Protein backbone atom coordinates (compact mmCIF):
# COMPACT_ATOMS: atom_id res chain seq x y z
CA MET A 1 -30.37 -18.69 12.87
CA ALA A 2 -27.86 -16.96 15.13
CA GLN A 3 -28.93 -14.08 17.37
CA ILE A 4 -27.82 -10.62 16.13
CA ILE A 5 -25.82 -8.64 18.70
CA ASN A 6 -23.82 -5.41 18.86
CA ILE A 7 -20.15 -5.54 17.89
CA ALA A 8 -18.35 -4.90 21.18
CA GLY A 9 -14.97 -5.52 22.74
CA ALA A 10 -14.18 -5.59 26.45
CA GLN A 11 -16.98 -3.09 27.16
CA ALA A 12 -20.47 -4.40 26.34
CA ILE A 13 -22.79 -2.13 24.30
CA ASP A 14 -26.50 -2.43 25.13
CA ASP A 15 -27.79 0.31 22.82
CA PRO A 16 -30.46 -1.28 20.55
CA GLU A 17 -29.93 1.51 17.98
CA TYR A 18 -26.19 0.79 17.65
CA ARG A 19 -25.49 0.47 13.91
CA TYR A 20 -22.65 -2.08 14.04
CA LYS A 21 -24.11 -5.59 14.32
CA MET A 22 -22.87 -9.16 14.07
CA PRO A 23 -24.31 -12.67 14.55
CA ARG A 24 -23.57 -14.35 17.86
CA ILE A 25 -21.00 -17.08 17.33
CA ILE A 26 -22.20 -20.69 17.26
CA GLY A 27 -20.04 -23.59 18.47
CA LYS A 28 -20.90 -27.25 17.82
CA VAL A 29 -18.85 -29.98 19.53
CA GLU A 30 -18.23 -32.97 17.25
CA GLY A 31 -16.52 -36.34 17.71
CA ARG A 32 -15.24 -37.97 20.88
CA GLY A 33 -12.03 -38.93 22.64
CA ASN A 34 -8.84 -37.64 21.01
CA GLY A 35 -10.79 -36.65 17.88
CA ILE A 36 -13.13 -34.24 19.66
CA LYS A 37 -13.39 -30.83 18.01
CA THR A 38 -15.57 -27.72 17.90
CA ALA A 39 -16.99 -26.57 14.55
CA ILE A 40 -18.05 -22.95 14.02
CA PRO A 41 -20.66 -23.07 11.22
CA ASN A 42 -21.28 -19.32 11.03
CA MET A 43 -17.62 -18.22 10.98
CA VAL A 44 -17.95 -16.60 7.53
CA ASP A 45 -20.91 -14.46 8.66
CA VAL A 46 -19.12 -13.41 11.86
CA ALA A 47 -15.88 -12.52 10.06
CA SER A 48 -17.76 -10.66 7.30
CA SER A 49 -19.48 -8.49 9.93
CA LEU A 50 -16.06 -7.60 11.36
CA HIS A 51 -14.50 -7.06 7.89
CA ARG A 52 -11.80 -9.60 8.63
CA PRO A 53 -10.81 -12.89 6.93
CA PRO A 54 -12.46 -15.99 8.46
CA GLY A 55 -9.08 -17.74 8.62
CA GLU A 56 -7.68 -14.95 10.80
CA VAL A 57 -10.54 -15.08 13.30
CA THR A 58 -10.25 -18.89 13.45
CA LYS A 59 -6.50 -18.62 14.05
CA PHE A 60 -7.11 -16.21 16.94
CA PHE A 61 -9.15 -18.89 18.75
CA GLY A 62 -6.20 -21.26 18.36
CA CYS A 63 -3.81 -18.68 19.83
CA GLU A 64 -6.07 -17.94 22.80
CA LEU A 65 -7.21 -21.49 23.54
CA GLY A 66 -3.88 -23.21 22.81
CA ALA A 67 -5.51 -25.48 20.26
CA GLN A 68 -4.90 -26.35 16.63
CA THR A 69 -7.29 -24.75 14.16
CA THR A 70 -8.17 -25.22 10.49
CA TYR A 71 -10.23 -23.17 8.08
CA ASN A 72 -11.19 -24.41 4.61
CA ASP A 73 -11.98 -21.65 2.07
CA ASP A 74 -13.79 -24.08 -0.23
CA THR A 75 -16.17 -25.51 2.37
CA GLU A 76 -16.12 -22.38 4.60
CA ARG A 77 -15.69 -24.69 7.58
CA ALA A 78 -13.85 -23.52 10.71
CA ILE A 79 -12.58 -26.11 13.21
CA VAL A 80 -10.99 -25.64 16.66
CA ASN A 81 -9.58 -28.84 18.19
CA GLY A 82 -11.04 -29.73 21.58
CA ALA A 83 -14.45 -29.15 23.18
CA HIS A 84 -15.22 -25.47 23.74
CA GLU A 85 -18.45 -23.94 24.95
CA THR A 86 -20.16 -21.28 22.85
CA ARG A 87 -19.92 -18.86 25.80
CA VAL A 88 -16.13 -19.26 25.90
CA LEU A 89 -15.84 -18.73 22.14
CA GLN A 90 -17.96 -15.55 22.37
CA ASP A 91 -15.78 -14.19 25.20
CA LYS A 92 -12.61 -14.87 23.18
CA LEU A 93 -14.20 -13.20 20.15
CA SER A 94 -14.76 -10.07 22.26
CA VAL A 95 -11.04 -10.07 23.06
CA TYR A 96 -10.25 -10.35 19.34
CA ILE A 97 -12.59 -7.44 18.56
CA GLU A 98 -10.95 -5.30 21.25
CA LYS A 99 -7.41 -6.02 20.05
CA PHE A 100 -7.76 -6.30 16.27
CA VAL A 101 -11.03 -4.69 15.14
CA LEU A 102 -11.94 -1.65 17.23
CA CYS A 103 -10.12 1.63 16.69
CA PRO A 104 -8.09 2.43 19.85
CA ALA A 105 -9.07 6.10 19.49
CA CYS A 106 -12.82 6.15 18.71
CA LYS A 107 -13.67 2.51 19.57
CA LEU A 108 -15.60 1.97 16.31
CA PRO A 109 -15.18 -1.19 14.18
CA GLU A 110 -14.23 0.82 11.09
CA THR A 111 -10.59 -0.23 10.79
CA SER A 112 -8.40 -1.88 8.21
CA TYR A 113 -4.77 -2.98 8.51
CA LYS A 114 -1.86 -0.86 7.30
CA ILE A 115 1.45 -2.73 7.40
CA LYS A 116 4.75 -0.86 7.40
CA SER A 117 8.16 -2.34 8.15
CA GLU A 118 6.63 -5.51 9.62
CA ILE A 119 4.46 -3.46 12.00
CA ILE A 120 0.65 -3.67 11.84
CA TYR A 121 -1.39 -0.49 12.32
CA HIS A 122 -5.11 0.11 12.72
CA ASN A 123 -6.16 2.52 9.97
CA CYS A 124 -9.52 3.96 11.09
CA LEU A 125 -11.93 5.06 8.35
CA ALA A 126 -14.19 6.78 10.88
CA CYS A 127 -11.84 9.15 12.74
CA GLY A 128 -8.68 8.88 10.61
CA ALA A 129 -6.49 7.63 13.47
CA ARG A 130 -3.59 5.27 12.83
CA GLU A 131 -2.61 3.25 15.90
CA MET A 132 -0.27 0.29 16.28
CA CYS A 133 -1.76 -3.14 17.02
CA ASP A 134 -0.58 -5.29 19.91
CA MET A 135 2.55 -6.69 18.23
CA GLN A 136 3.19 -9.01 21.21
CA HIS A 137 0.20 -11.17 20.32
CA LYS A 138 0.90 -14.41 18.44
CA LEU A 139 -1.78 -13.61 15.84
CA THR A 140 0.38 -10.80 14.39
CA THR A 141 2.79 -13.42 12.99
CA TYR A 142 -0.10 -15.02 11.10
CA ILE A 143 -1.35 -11.63 9.80
CA LEU A 144 2.10 -10.66 8.48
CA LYS A 145 2.52 -14.07 6.83
CA GLN A 146 -0.88 -13.79 5.10
CA HIS A 147 -0.06 -10.25 3.97
CA LYS A 148 3.09 -11.49 2.22
CA ILE A 149 1.19 -14.35 0.56
CA GLU A 150 -1.52 -11.98 -0.72
CA LYS A 151 1.11 -9.50 -1.95
CA LYS A 152 2.91 -12.22 -3.95
CA ALA A 153 -0.38 -13.52 -5.38
CA LYS A 154 -1.39 -10.00 -6.43
CA ALA A 155 1.99 -9.41 -8.09
CA LYS A 156 1.68 -12.73 -9.95
CA ASP A 157 -1.85 -11.88 -11.13
CA LYS A 158 -0.67 -8.48 -12.34
CA LYS A 159 2.23 -10.08 -14.23
CA ASP A 160 -0.07 -12.67 -15.81
CA LYS A 161 -2.48 -9.95 -16.91
CA LYS A 162 0.38 -7.91 -18.34
CA ASP A 163 1.74 -10.92 -20.27
CA LYS A 164 -1.74 -11.65 -21.58
CA GLY A 165 -2.16 -8.00 -22.56
CA ASP A 166 1.21 -8.00 -24.38
CA LYS A 167 0.12 -11.00 -26.48
CA LYS A 168 -3.16 -9.30 -27.26
CA ASP A 169 -1.36 -6.06 -28.20
CA LYS A 170 0.96 -7.90 -30.61
CA LYS A 171 -2.05 -9.47 -32.32
CA SER A 172 -3.95 -6.16 -32.48
CA LYS A 173 -0.87 -4.37 -33.86
CA LYS A 174 -0.58 -7.00 -36.59
CA ASP A 175 -4.27 -6.65 -37.45
CA LYS A 176 -3.99 -2.84 -37.37
CA GLY A 177 -0.98 -2.98 -39.70
CA GLU A 178 -2.97 -5.01 -42.20
CA ASP A 179 -5.89 -2.57 -41.98
CA ASP A 180 -3.55 0.41 -42.47
CA ASP A 181 -2.02 -1.17 -45.58
CA LYS A 182 -5.49 -1.77 -47.00
CA LYS A 183 -6.55 1.84 -46.32
CA LYS A 184 -3.38 3.21 -47.93
CA LYS A 185 -3.97 1.10 -51.01
CA GLU A 186 -7.59 2.26 -51.30
CA LYS A 187 -6.54 5.89 -50.81
CA LYS A 188 -3.86 5.60 -53.52
CA GLU A 189 -6.32 4.05 -55.96
CA LYS A 190 -8.82 6.84 -55.28
CA LYS A 191 -6.17 9.51 -55.80
CA ASP A 192 -4.97 7.94 -59.07
CA LYS A 193 -8.55 7.74 -60.32
CA LYS A 194 -9.07 11.47 -59.65
CA LYS A 195 -5.84 12.38 -61.44
CA LYS A 196 -6.86 10.36 -64.51
CA LYS A 197 -10.27 12.04 -64.52
CA LYS A 198 -8.67 15.49 -64.27
CA ALA A 199 -6.21 14.71 -67.11
CA SER A 200 -9.08 13.43 -69.27
CA GLU A 201 -11.12 16.60 -68.71
CA GLU A 202 -8.14 18.83 -69.56
CA GLY A 203 -7.51 16.83 -72.78
CA ASN A 204 -11.12 17.34 -73.86
CA GLY A 205 -10.88 21.11 -73.27
CA ALA A 206 -13.38 21.02 -70.43
CA THR A 207 -12.90 23.05 -67.29
CA PRO A 208 -11.63 20.63 -64.71
CA GLU A 209 -13.70 20.28 -61.58
CA LYS A 210 -12.08 21.65 -58.47
CA VAL A 211 -10.83 18.76 -56.43
CA ASP A 212 -11.57 19.00 -52.72
CA GLU A 213 -8.13 18.90 -51.13
CA SER A 214 -9.64 17.73 -47.90
CA GLU A 215 -10.51 14.44 -49.62
CA GLU A 216 -6.92 13.94 -50.80
CA GLU A 217 -5.23 14.84 -47.58
CA ASP A 218 -5.92 13.91 -44.03
CA ASP A 219 -7.24 16.73 -41.97
CA GLU A 220 -4.38 18.37 -40.11
CA ASN A 221 -6.27 18.03 -36.86
CA PRO A 222 -9.66 16.31 -37.07
CA GLU A 223 -10.29 17.02 -33.38
CA GLU A 224 -10.47 20.77 -34.11
CA ALA A 225 -13.64 20.34 -36.21
CA GLY A 226 -17.28 20.46 -35.13
CA PRO A 227 -18.50 21.16 -31.58
CA LEU A 228 -15.23 19.86 -30.06
CA GLY A 229 -13.22 22.33 -32.14
CA SER A 230 -15.54 25.18 -31.13
CA ALA A 231 -15.05 24.31 -27.46
CA ILE A 232 -11.26 24.19 -27.85
CA ARG A 233 -11.16 27.57 -29.63
CA GLY A 234 -13.38 29.15 -26.95
CA ILE A 235 -11.17 27.99 -24.07
CA ARG A 236 -8.03 28.88 -26.04
CA GLU A 237 -9.22 32.50 -26.12
CA PHE A 238 -9.75 32.41 -22.35
CA VAL A 239 -6.25 31.02 -21.75
CA ALA A 240 -4.61 33.46 -24.17
CA GLY A 241 -6.48 36.34 -22.51
CA GLY A 242 -4.83 35.57 -19.18
CA LYS A 243 -8.12 34.96 -17.35
CA PRO A 244 -7.91 33.69 -13.74
CA VAL A 245 -7.65 29.89 -13.56
CA GLY A 246 -10.91 29.61 -11.61
CA GLU A 247 -12.82 31.48 -14.32
CA THR A 248 -11.22 29.35 -17.03
CA VAL A 249 -12.25 26.11 -15.31
CA SER A 250 -15.81 27.41 -14.85
CA GLU A 251 -15.93 28.47 -18.51
CA LEU A 252 -14.68 24.99 -19.49
CA ARG A 253 -17.66 23.39 -17.73
CA ALA A 254 -20.06 25.83 -19.38
CA VAL A 255 -18.59 25.36 -22.87
CA GLN A 256 -18.62 21.57 -22.57
CA THR A 257 -22.31 21.67 -21.58
CA PHE A 258 -23.24 24.23 -24.26
CA CYS A 259 -21.54 22.21 -27.02
CA ALA A 260 -23.30 19.03 -25.79
CA LEU A 261 -19.97 17.22 -25.33
CA PRO A 262 -19.40 14.33 -22.88
CA ARG A 263 -17.67 15.16 -19.60
CA ASN A 264 -14.77 12.87 -20.43
CA GLU A 265 -13.65 15.35 -23.11
CA ARG A 266 -13.04 18.19 -20.62
CA GLY A 267 -9.44 17.22 -19.91
CA PHE A 268 -8.61 17.04 -23.61
CA ILE A 269 -10.36 20.37 -24.38
CA LEU A 270 -8.25 22.07 -21.70
CA CYS A 271 -4.98 20.50 -22.90
CA ALA A 272 -5.68 21.26 -26.57
CA ALA A 273 -6.43 24.87 -25.63
CA ALA A 274 -3.53 25.32 -23.20
CA PHE A 275 -0.69 23.77 -25.24
CA GLU A 276 0.50 24.64 -28.73
CA ASP A 277 1.65 21.19 -29.80
CA GLY A 278 3.55 18.12 -28.64
CA SER A 279 6.97 19.65 -29.29
CA THR A 280 6.41 22.46 -26.75
CA LEU A 281 4.35 20.48 -24.23
CA LEU A 282 7.11 19.89 -21.67
CA LYS A 283 8.33 23.47 -21.97
CA GLN A 284 4.83 24.90 -21.38
CA LEU A 285 3.83 22.55 -18.53
CA PRO A 286 5.35 24.59 -15.65
CA GLU A 287 3.66 27.74 -16.97
CA ARG A 288 0.27 25.99 -17.19
CA ALA A 289 0.64 24.14 -13.86
CA PRO A 290 -1.74 26.45 -11.86
CA LEU A 291 -4.49 26.00 -14.47
CA LEU A 292 -4.01 22.22 -14.64
CA LYS A 293 -3.99 21.98 -10.85
CA ALA A 294 -7.26 23.92 -10.60
CA PHE A 295 -8.84 21.62 -13.17
CA ALA A 296 -7.60 18.44 -11.45
CA LYS A 297 -9.08 19.68 -8.18
CA ASP A 298 -12.39 20.62 -9.83
CA ALA A 299 -12.78 17.41 -11.85
CA GLN A 300 -10.59 14.36 -11.20
CA PRO A 301 -6.84 13.79 -11.68
CA TYR A 302 -7.88 10.91 -13.98
CA SER A 303 -9.62 13.39 -16.31
CA LEU A 304 -6.45 15.46 -16.66
CA ILE A 305 -4.16 12.46 -17.26
CA TYR A 306 -6.50 10.98 -19.87
CA GLY A 307 -6.88 14.39 -21.49
CA LEU A 308 -3.09 14.59 -21.81
CA GLU A 309 -3.06 11.06 -23.22
CA LYS A 310 -5.41 12.07 -26.03
CA PHE A 311 -3.52 15.32 -26.68
CA CYS A 312 -0.23 13.40 -26.99
CA LEU A 313 -1.92 10.76 -29.14
CA ILE A 314 -3.23 13.13 -31.85
CA GLN A 315 0.08 14.93 -32.35
CA LYS A 316 1.93 14.23 -35.59
CA PRO A 317 3.94 12.27 -34.78
CA PRO A 318 2.41 11.16 -31.44
CA VAL A 319 4.49 12.01 -28.36
CA THR A 320 3.57 8.86 -26.42
CA ALA A 321 7.22 8.08 -25.63
CA LYS A 322 7.55 11.29 -23.59
CA PHE A 323 4.63 10.49 -21.29
CA ALA A 324 6.86 9.55 -18.35
CA LEU A 325 8.39 13.04 -18.54
CA VAL A 326 4.90 14.57 -18.72
CA LEU A 327 3.82 12.72 -15.55
CA LYS A 328 7.05 13.70 -13.77
CA ALA A 329 6.45 17.36 -14.63
CA LEU A 330 2.89 17.12 -13.24
CA TYR A 331 4.25 15.45 -10.09
CA ASP A 332 7.08 17.98 -9.62
CA ASP A 333 4.67 20.92 -9.97
CA ASP A 334 2.18 19.35 -7.49
CA VAL A 335 -0.53 19.17 -10.14
CA VAL A 336 -1.25 15.51 -9.30
CA GLU A 337 -0.22 13.43 -6.30
CA GLU A 338 1.87 10.27 -6.28
CA GLU A 339 -1.23 8.31 -5.28
CA ASP A 340 -3.15 9.60 -8.33
CA ILE A 341 -0.44 8.46 -10.75
CA LEU A 342 -0.15 5.01 -9.16
CA LYS A 343 -3.93 4.54 -9.21
CA TRP A 344 -4.07 5.59 -12.87
CA HIS A 345 -1.31 3.11 -13.71
CA ASP A 346 -2.72 0.20 -11.68
CA ALA A 347 -6.24 0.74 -13.06
CA GLY A 348 -4.86 0.57 -16.59
CA VAL A 349 -2.74 -2.53 -15.94
CA ASP A 350 -5.62 -4.33 -14.21
CA GLY A 351 -7.98 -3.42 -17.04
CA VAL A 352 -10.37 -1.49 -14.80
CA ASP A 353 -9.86 2.00 -16.19
CA PRO A 354 -12.50 4.43 -14.89
CA ASP A 355 -13.90 4.90 -18.42
CA VAL A 356 -16.15 7.71 -17.22
CA HIS A 357 -13.03 9.92 -17.37
CA LYS A 358 -11.43 8.49 -20.53
CA PRO A 359 -11.99 10.17 -23.93
CA PRO A 360 -13.23 7.77 -26.66
CA ALA A 361 -10.04 8.26 -28.73
CA VAL A 362 -7.88 6.59 -26.04
CA ASP A 363 -8.50 2.91 -26.81
CA ALA A 364 -6.95 -0.17 -25.18
CA GLN A 365 -3.98 -0.21 -27.55
CA ALA A 366 -3.20 3.47 -26.97
CA SER A 367 -3.57 3.02 -23.19
CA ALA A 368 -1.08 0.12 -23.25
CA ALA A 369 1.45 2.33 -25.04
CA PHE A 370 1.08 5.12 -22.46
CA LEU A 371 1.36 2.64 -19.57
CA ALA A 372 4.55 1.19 -21.07
CA ALA A 373 6.03 4.66 -21.57
CA ALA A 374 5.20 5.65 -17.97
CA GLU A 375 6.60 2.44 -16.42
CA PRO A 376 10.09 3.83 -15.53
CA PHE A 377 8.60 6.78 -13.65
CA VAL A 378 5.97 4.62 -11.90
CA THR A 379 8.71 2.19 -10.82
CA TRP A 380 10.72 5.10 -9.43
CA LEU A 381 7.68 6.30 -7.45
CA ARG A 382 7.09 2.85 -5.97
CA GLU A 383 10.75 2.45 -4.97
CA ALA A 384 10.76 5.90 -3.39
CA GLU A 385 7.60 5.01 -1.44
CA SER A 386 9.16 1.71 -0.31
CA ASP A 387 12.33 3.48 0.88
CA THR A 388 10.21 5.97 2.85
CA GLU A 389 8.28 3.16 4.53
CA GLU A 390 11.51 1.39 5.52
CA GLU A 391 12.89 4.59 7.05
CA GLU A 392 9.71 5.00 9.10
């Protein structure tokens, strides 16, 4: 087993309490003559400690030692051509750590790469600094190449998932259509049966029983019933009374707890209380922006976006098609940030929605419809971000 040492660059760190550790690199010379090579059996462990890909660290040895290198992801085997002592490999690794791992500002190994306009930056998670890497080093060419490969692979995976989701949606829509037809037929038969019974009673001179209209007609808004309806009406009074946004958000938390409702209904309760209906949503959004912004800050932007999804979904007819305009209004009024919208979209496309914020009514099929409606605006945001990066 390899000795555990402190992660250090050009300056050695002898502090035994230092929290950043790594295994000392191990080099094993194999073969003879022209086929001599040095294997690094613990490359994966070393690279993992540095939060860098094993192939990148292996490539650095090739750049520094002027030797060909190979790294096999399947076997996790790193090879550097030629015979190299372990001491030499460890010294070169310290150079790599200094140049490509440590933050130039705070000297902690808490960095990740941020690539803009073919320039690699250290993005430090410890102190927040963003410093440019040594772009003169040969390894930067390899890093940029790998970044492009990963970006293409990610885009392909996303497209494959979307295509798979589209096929699934078509099947679910077909199944839903069949279920809807069956329900309509059953409802019609039930209604006809009640009419016949009423006519029979009237013909016999008996007083007809009062038919519950709620059984014949769908409830105008089923979400306004029960504890959820009570919560909506309570917050609606607060909003109509012109209470400060901070008080309204606090009252929302209290009402949700008092009515024993899940936290993922908060966003919907606020939207149902703040907006009259889907037809006036866009018109009322600027007026309600301060309240929505206070809620997004108190809870999560996800909660607000999902709450708006459910509000748009229950309107008759649903206003799903306008969701891109809804997101744009939120963005223009600084209610949610560009990053929040992109994360919401990517989480939905990748099928990793943070369900803790999503109301039960927003199922996979409804989510797909909202994602499709928002696509033009999301594309515009990405293009605007790309143009900004190119200018920088």
